[in-house]
Amino acid sequence: MTAGRLAVIDMQRVFAEPDSPWAAPRYAEAAAGVRRLLPAFADRVTFTRFVAPAEPTGAWRAYYARWSFALQPPDAPLWRLTDDFADRAPHVLDATTFGKWAPELAARVAPEGRLVLTGVSTDCCVLSTALAAADAGVETWVVSDACAGVDDDAHRKALDLMGMYGPLVRIVTVDEVLAS
């Protein structure tokens, strides 16, 4: 069994469906990597969902003025996990922020644990979660082939940026995680 906790970031319909303004073009490839990792982590998996706040505040007002389609309640279809994960998600953490490093996820990882990150998008929610976890002193692995960005360039740039935070953040592949 692989060490650490797996966080599957925002594998939701809004990022998977090609006609969505927030579609991650390589979502299916990232999902394939996530599916390969799930058995190795068993019940040590947390899925997250990005959801809109009931009432945006601060800079989020301008964000949702730009992306008004997303101002929907947490039970709206766009926020659902995709069908391949909906019934495989025993622990789901909802957040109205890009970063998912919140007390609930921190408690599941514990200060001396390892957080293994997958999901979408590499250049937004994965990045925000990785840096916050690393800042909290958690060994953080980002699984490059189980993540997808808004495009290939943004994905690569985000991985390069997170890699600069080594040894707190380590960029790995699915095969490397499974071999650990």
Protein backbone atom coordinates (compact mmCIF):
# COMPACT_ATOMS: atom_id res chain seq x y z
CA MET A 1 0.00 0.00 0.00
CA THR A 2 1.29 3.44 -0.95
CA ALA A 3 2.23 5.84 1.87
CA GLY A 4 0.34 9.05 2.49
CA ARG A 5 -3.06 10.41 1.61
CA LEU A 6 -4.42 11.00 -1.86
CA ALA A 7 -6.34 14.19 -2.60
CA VAL A 8 -8.27 14.16 -5.85
CA ILE A 9 -8.83 17.79 -6.69
CA ASP A 10 -12.06 18.87 -8.41
CA MET A 11 -12.74 16.00 -10.83
CA GLN A 12 -16.08 17.59 -11.64
CA ARG A 13 -18.32 17.90 -14.64
CA VAL A 14 -17.58 21.62 -15.04
CA PHE A 15 -13.94 20.72 -15.81
CA ALA A 16 -14.65 17.54 -17.78
CA GLU A 17 -17.33 18.53 -20.26
CA PRO A 18 -15.79 19.88 -23.49
CA ASP A 19 -18.42 22.61 -23.92
CA SER A 20 -17.79 24.04 -20.42
CA PRO A 21 -15.95 27.38 -20.26
CA TRP A 22 -13.72 25.74 -17.64
CA ALA A 23 -12.98 22.51 -19.52
CA ALA A 24 -9.54 20.99 -18.98
CA PRO A 25 -8.69 19.48 -22.40
CA ARG A 26 -6.72 16.58 -20.90
CA TYR A 27 -9.26 15.80 -18.19
CA ALA A 28 -9.71 12.20 -19.44
CA GLU A 29 -5.96 11.55 -19.25
CA ALA A 30 -5.79 12.91 -15.71
CA ALA A 31 -8.83 10.81 -14.77
CA ALA A 32 -7.09 7.68 -16.07
CA GLY A 33 -4.13 8.41 -13.79
CA VAL A 34 -6.40 8.99 -10.81
CA ARG A 35 -8.22 5.70 -11.44
CA ARG A 36 -4.87 3.87 -11.41
CA LEU A 37 -3.98 5.40 -8.03
CA LEU A 38 -7.25 4.86 -6.17
CA PRO A 39 -6.73 1.18 -5.25
CA ALA A 40 -3.30 1.91 -3.76
CA PHE A 41 -4.77 4.43 -1.31
CA ALA A 42 -7.96 2.54 -0.40
CA ASP A 43 -9.82 4.59 2.25
CA ARG A 44 -7.05 7.23 2.41
CA VAL A 45 -8.58 9.27 -0.43
CA THR A 46 -10.27 12.65 -0.21
CA PHE A 47 -12.09 14.07 -3.21
CA THR A 48 -12.63 17.81 -3.36
CA ARG A 49 -15.19 19.92 -5.16
CA PHE A 50 -14.90 23.57 -6.06
CA VAL A 51 -18.31 25.16 -5.52
CA ALA A 52 -19.55 28.72 -5.77
CA PRO A 53 -20.31 30.64 -2.58
CA ALA A 54 -23.91 31.59 -1.90
CA GLU A 55 -22.84 35.25 -1.97
CA PRO A 56 -19.39 36.17 -3.35
CA THR A 57 -17.43 38.67 -1.29
CA GLY A 58 -14.26 40.67 -1.83
CA ALA A 59 -12.38 39.97 -5.06
CA TRP A 60 -14.63 36.94 -5.65
CA ARG A 61 -17.36 39.41 -6.75
CA ALA A 62 -15.30 40.39 -9.80
CA TYR A 63 -14.41 36.76 -10.44
CA TYR A 64 -18.05 35.68 -10.52
CA ALA A 65 -19.01 38.76 -12.57
CA ARG A 66 -16.70 37.27 -15.22
CA TRP A 67 -17.85 33.67 -14.70
CA SER A 68 -21.52 34.21 -13.83
CA PHE A 69 -22.52 30.81 -15.26
CA ALA A 70 -20.83 29.26 -12.21
CA LEU A 71 -23.01 30.99 -9.61
CA GLN A 72 -25.04 27.87 -8.98
CA PRO A 73 -25.75 26.01 -5.74
CA PRO A 74 -23.49 23.13 -4.63
CA ASP A 75 -26.01 20.51 -5.79
CA ALA A 76 -26.10 21.87 -9.38
CA PRO A 77 -25.07 19.34 -12.06
CA LEU A 78 -21.93 21.26 -13.07
CA TRP A 79 -20.45 20.79 -9.57
CA ARG A 80 -21.01 17.01 -9.45
CA LEU A 81 -18.05 14.67 -9.55
CA THR A 82 -17.91 12.95 -12.93
CA ASP A 83 -19.64 9.59 -13.16
CA ASP A 84 -16.37 7.64 -12.98
CA PHE A 85 -15.70 9.07 -9.50
CA ALA A 86 -19.11 9.83 -7.99
CA ASP A 87 -19.51 6.38 -6.40
CA ARG A 88 -15.81 6.06 -5.52
CA ALA A 89 -15.64 9.12 -3.27
CA PRO A 90 -16.19 8.19 0.38
CA HIS A 91 -14.74 11.50 1.62
CA VAL A 92 -15.69 14.69 -0.23
CA LEU A 93 -14.54 18.16 0.80
CA ASP A 94 -16.37 21.14 -0.69
CA ALA A 95 -14.62 24.51 -0.83
CA THR A 96 -15.43 27.89 -2.30
CA THR A 97 -11.71 28.57 -2.72
CA PHE A 98 -9.14 27.39 -5.23
CA GLY A 99 -6.92 25.91 -2.54
CA LYS A 100 -8.31 22.87 -0.76
CA TRP A 101 -5.77 22.86 2.09
CA ALA A 102 -8.34 23.38 4.82
CA PRO A 103 -8.58 22.02 8.39
CA GLU A 104 -10.55 18.95 7.23
CA LEU A 105 -7.92 17.91 4.67
CA ALA A 106 -5.09 18.80 7.05
CA ALA A 107 -6.59 16.56 9.74
CA ARG A 108 -6.76 13.65 7.29
CA VAL A 109 -3.10 14.08 6.31
CA ALA A 110 -1.63 14.89 9.76
CA PRO A 111 1.47 17.05 10.15
CA GLU A 112 3.97 14.28 9.48
CA GLY A 113 2.06 12.73 6.59
CA ARG A 114 2.47 12.90 2.84
CA LEU A 115 -0.13 14.51 0.61
CA VAL A 116 -0.34 13.12 -2.92
CA LEU A 117 -2.20 15.52 -5.22
CA THR A 118 -4.03 14.78 -8.45
CA GLY A 119 -6.78 16.51 -10.38
CA VAL A 120 -7.63 19.76 -12.11
CA SER A 121 -6.58 22.21 -12.81
CA THR A 122 -2.85 21.98 -12.33
CA ASP A 123 -2.44 25.73 -12.77
CA CYS A 124 -5.16 26.74 -10.32
CA CYS A 125 -6.63 24.49 -7.63
CA VAL A 126 -3.83 21.91 -7.59
CA LEU A 127 -1.20 24.66 -7.43
CA SER A 128 -3.05 26.54 -4.67
CA THR A 129 -3.46 23.36 -2.62
CA ALA A 130 0.13 22.20 -3.08
CA LEU A 131 1.71 25.46 -2.00
CA ALA A 132 -0.51 25.83 1.07
CA ALA A 133 0.16 22.23 2.17
CA ALA A 134 3.90 22.64 1.64
CA ASP A 135 3.84 25.90 3.57
CA ALA A 136 2.23 23.97 6.44
CA GLY A 137 5.24 21.62 6.37
CA VAL A 138 3.53 18.67 4.68
CA GLU A 139 5.51 16.57 2.24
CA THR A 140 3.57 17.16 -0.98
CA TRP A 141 3.74 15.07 -4.15
CA VAL A 142 2.04 16.34 -7.30
CA VAL A 143 1.33 13.54 -9.78
CA SER A 144 2.04 15.13 -13.15
CA ASP A 145 0.25 12.52 -15.27
CA ALA A 146 -2.83 12.50 -13.03
CA CYS A 147 -3.36 16.26 -13.34
CA ALA A 148 -4.57 18.46 -16.17
CA GLY A 149 -4.35 22.19 -16.74
CA VAL A 150 -6.35 24.65 -18.78
CA ASP A 151 -3.89 23.80 -21.55
CA ASP A 152 -0.57 21.98 -21.91
CA ASP A 153 1.52 25.13 -21.48
CA ALA A 154 -0.23 26.17 -18.27
CA HIS A 155 0.06 22.59 -16.95
CA ARG A 156 3.82 22.49 -17.61
CA LYS A 157 4.42 25.97 -16.17
CA ALA A 158 2.51 25.09 -12.99
CA LEU A 159 4.50 21.87 -12.58
CA ASP A 160 7.74 23.78 -13.10
CA LEU A 161 6.71 26.38 -10.54
CA MET A 162 5.71 23.78 -7.94
CA GLY A 163 8.97 21.92 -8.60
CA MET A 164 10.85 25.03 -7.47
CA TYR A 165 9.42 24.41 -3.98
CA GLY A 166 11.43 21.21 -3.56
CA PRO A 167 12.00 19.39 -1.35
CA LEU A 168 8.63 20.45 0.11
CA VAL A 169 6.90 19.75 -3.21
CA ARG A 170 7.98 16.89 -5.44
CA ILE A 171 6.69 16.31 -8.98
CA VAL A 172 6.14 12.58 -9.59
CA THR A 173 4.36 10.23 -11.99
CA VAL A 174 1.69 7.62 -11.32
CA ASP A 175 4.29 4.87 -11.78
CA GLU A 176 6.59 6.49 -9.21
CA VAL A 177 3.78 6.75 -6.66
CA LEU A 178 2.75 3.14 -7.19
CA ALA A 179 6.36 2.01 -6.79
CA SER A 180 6.85 3.91 -3.52
